[in-house]
Amino acid sequence: MTDTSMTEIRGETFEGQVDVDDRHFIDCTFGKVQLRYGGGQLPRFEGCTFTAASWFFHGAALRTIRLLQMQNAQGENQALIDQMFGPGIVFGEE
């Protein structure tokens, strides 16, 4: 099922910087690319190929990562942090 609020991109090849918020990539190729996520609707990747891809977080996404890093550095809520990254774990709803 495709979310109509997402921009669908098919069969394109990307290099450089690519904003991924609110986008559904289908059968795309990502070469030497920086995937940029700011906390919008989660991107979807379907049948895509990645080579030398890295992530860049900004805005709300970066603040969330900083919160988790702070909690981890302080040794607080380690069980919660470990659980968050377990398979099938979902917190909240969209």
C-alpha atoms as a PDB file:
ATOM      1  CA  MET A   1       0.000   0.000   0.000  1.00  0.00           C
ATOM      2  CA  THR A   2       1.388   3.407  -0.963  1.00  0.00           C
ATOM      3  CA  ASP A   3       0.861   6.440   1.260  1.00  0.00           C
ATOM      4  CA  THR A   4      -0.450   9.210  -0.998  1.00  0.00           C
ATOM      5  CA  SER A   5       1.166  11.922   1.162  1.00  0.00           C
ATOM      6  CA  MET A   6       4.612  10.612   0.196  1.00  0.00           C
ATOM      7  CA  THR A   7       6.434  11.549  -2.977  1.00  0.00           C
ATOM      8  CA  GLU A   8       7.092   8.394  -5.005  1.00  0.00           C
ATOM      9  CA  ILE A   9      10.402   8.202  -6.874  1.00  0.00           C
ATOM     10  CA  ARG A  10      11.069   5.285  -9.261  1.00  0.00           C
ATOM     11  CA  GLY A  11      14.178   4.010 -10.989  1.00  0.00           C
ATOM     12  CA  GLU A  12      16.441   6.997 -10.380  1.00  0.00           C
ATOM     13  CA  THR A  13      20.158   7.034  -9.589  1.00  0.00           C
ATOM     14  CA  PHE A  14      21.426   9.332  -6.846  1.00  0.00           C
ATOM     15  CA  GLU A  15      24.812  10.684  -5.763  1.00  0.00           C
ATOM     16  CA  GLY A  16      25.649  13.553  -3.418  1.00  0.00           C
ATOM     17  CA  GLN A  17      23.002  14.651  -0.914  1.00  0.00           C
ATOM     18  CA  VAL A  18      19.451  13.296  -0.979  1.00  0.00           C
ATOM     19  CA  ASP A  19      16.654  14.499   1.305  1.00  0.00           C
ATOM     20  CA  VAL A  20      14.600  11.439   2.224  1.00  0.00           C
ATOM     21  CA  ASP A  21      11.817  12.823   4.435  1.00  0.00           C
ATOM     22  CA  ASP A  22       8.335  12.051   3.085  1.00  0.00           C
ATOM     23  CA  ARG A  23       9.669  10.046   0.115  1.00  0.00           C
ATOM     24  CA  HIS A  24       9.100   6.515  -1.153  1.00  0.00           C
ATOM     25  CA  PHE A  25      11.998   5.279  -3.293  1.00  0.00           C
ATOM     26  CA  ILE A  26      11.316   2.307  -5.581  1.00  0.00           C
ATOM     27  CA  ASP A  27      14.044   0.488  -7.558  1.00  0.00           C
ATOM     28  CA  CYS A  28      16.489   3.379  -7.090  1.00  0.00           C
ATOM     29  CA  THR A  29      20.287   3.260  -6.949  1.00  0.00           C
ATOM     30  CA  PHE A  30      22.168   5.239  -4.322  1.00  0.00           C
ATOM     31  CA  GLY A  31      25.885   5.596  -5.083  1.00  0.00           C
ATOM     32  CA  LYS A  32      28.218   7.751  -2.998  1.00  0.00           C
ATOM     33  CA  VAL A  33      25.371   9.505  -1.243  1.00  0.00           C
ATOM     34  CA  GLN A  34      24.474  11.208   2.006  1.00  0.00           C
ATOM     35  CA  LEU A  35      20.885  10.393   2.988  1.00  0.00           C
ATOM     36  CA  ARG A  36      19.494  13.393   4.889  1.00  0.00           C
ATOM     37  CA  TYR A  37      16.638  12.870   7.352  1.00  0.00           C
ATOM     38  CA  GLY A  38      15.058  15.670   9.397  1.00  0.00           C
ATOM     39  CA  GLY A  39      12.293  13.907  11.292  1.00  0.00           C
ATOM     40  CA  GLY A  40       9.463  14.069   8.750  1.00  0.00           C
ATOM     41  CA  GLN A  41       7.511  11.065   7.566  1.00  0.00           C
ATOM     42  CA  LEU A  42       9.781   8.023   7.539  1.00  0.00           C
ATOM     43  CA  PRO A  43      11.256   7.295   4.125  1.00  0.00           C
ATOM     44  CA  ARG A  44      10.555   3.991   2.392  1.00  0.00           C
ATOM     45  CA  PHE A  45      13.060   2.090   0.280  1.00  0.00           C
ATOM     46  CA  GLU A  46      11.745  -0.716  -1.913  1.00  0.00           C
ATOM     47  CA  GLY A  47      14.060  -2.715  -4.180  1.00  0.00           C
ATOM     48  CA  CYS A  48      16.829  -0.114  -3.874  1.00  0.00           C
ATOM     49  CA  THR A  49      20.602  -0.605  -4.100  1.00  0.00           C
ATOM     50  CA  PHE A  50      23.038   1.240  -1.813  1.00  0.00           C
ATOM     51  CA  THR A  51      26.793   1.739  -2.276  1.00  0.00           C
ATOM     52  CA  ALA A  52      28.820   3.961   0.080  1.00  0.00           C
ATOM     53  CA  ALA A  53      25.704   5.560   1.588  1.00  0.00           C
ATOM     54  CA  SER A  54      25.809   7.480   4.867  1.00  0.00           C
ATOM     55  CA  TRP A  55      23.158   9.192   6.988  1.00  0.00           C
ATOM     56  CA  PHE A  56      22.919  12.842   8.040  1.00  0.00           C
ATOM     57  CA  PHE A  57      20.325  13.754  10.670  1.00  0.00           C
ATOM     58  CA  HIS A  58      19.026  17.293  11.267  1.00  0.00           C
ATOM     59  CA  GLY A  59      16.082  19.020  12.938  1.00  0.00           C
ATOM     60  CA  ALA A  60      13.792  16.791  15.009  1.00  0.00           C
ATOM     61  CA  ALA A  61      15.684  13.641  13.960  1.00  0.00           C
ATOM     62  CA  LEU A  62      18.982  15.052  15.241  1.00  0.00           C
ATOM     63  CA  ARG A  63      17.394  16.152  18.533  1.00  0.00           C
ATOM     64  CA  THR A  64      16.071  12.612  19.047  1.00  0.00           C
ATOM     65  CA  ILE A  65      19.510  11.130  18.425  1.00  0.00           C
ATOM     66  CA  ARG A  66      21.108  13.634  20.815  1.00  0.00           C
ATOM     67  CA  LEU A  67      18.581  12.667  23.511  1.00  0.00           C
ATOM     68  CA  LEU A  68      19.476   8.991  23.104  1.00  0.00           C
ATOM     69  CA  GLN A  69      23.208   9.789  23.111  1.00  0.00           C
ATOM     70  CA  MET A  70      22.822  11.827  26.302  1.00  0.00           C
ATOM     71  CA  GLN A  71      20.902   9.031  28.011  1.00  0.00           C
ATOM     72  CA  ASN A  72      23.505   6.513  26.889  1.00  0.00           C
ATOM     73  CA  ALA A  73      26.460   8.679  28.038  1.00  0.00           C
ATOM     74  CA  GLN A  74      24.896   9.155  31.473  1.00  0.00           C
ATOM     75  CA  GLY A  75      24.241   5.436  31.800  1.00  0.00           C
ATOM     76  CA  GLU A  76      20.566   6.174  32.388  1.00  0.00           C
ATOM     77  CA  ASN A  77      17.773   4.065  30.979  1.00  0.00           C
ATOM     78  CA  GLN A  78      20.193   1.637  29.337  1.00  0.00           C
ATOM     79  CA  ALA A  79      17.541  -1.084  29.314  1.00  0.00           C
ATOM     80  CA  LEU A  80      15.133   1.231  27.478  1.00  0.00           C
ATOM     81  CA  ILE A  81      17.782   2.199  24.914  1.00  0.00           C
ATOM     82  CA  ASP A  82      18.701  -1.463  24.354  1.00  0.00           C
ATOM     83  CA  GLN A  83      15.030  -2.370  23.963  1.00  0.00           C
ATOM     84  CA  MET A  84      14.364   0.445  21.463  1.00  0.00           C
ATOM     85  CA  PHE A  85      16.700  -1.101  18.955  1.00  0.00           C
ATOM     86  CA  GLY A  86      15.376  -4.643  19.311  1.00  0.00           C
ATOM     87  CA  PRO A  87      13.613  -6.228  16.339  1.00  0.00           C
ATOM     88  CA  GLY A  88       9.918  -5.403  16.014  1.00  0.00           C
ATOM     89  CA  ILE A  89       9.911  -2.724  18.726  1.00  0.00           C
ATOM     90  CA  VAL A  90       7.640   0.264  18.059  1.00  0.00           C
ATOM     91  CA  PHE A  91       7.082   3.216  20.391  1.00  0.00           C
ATOM     92  CA  GLY A  92       4.145   5.510  19.742  1.00  0.00           C
ATOM     93  CA  GLU A  93       2.135   5.628  16.590  1.00  0.00           C
ATOM     94  CA  GLU A  94       1.982   7.756  13.463  1.00  0.00           C
END
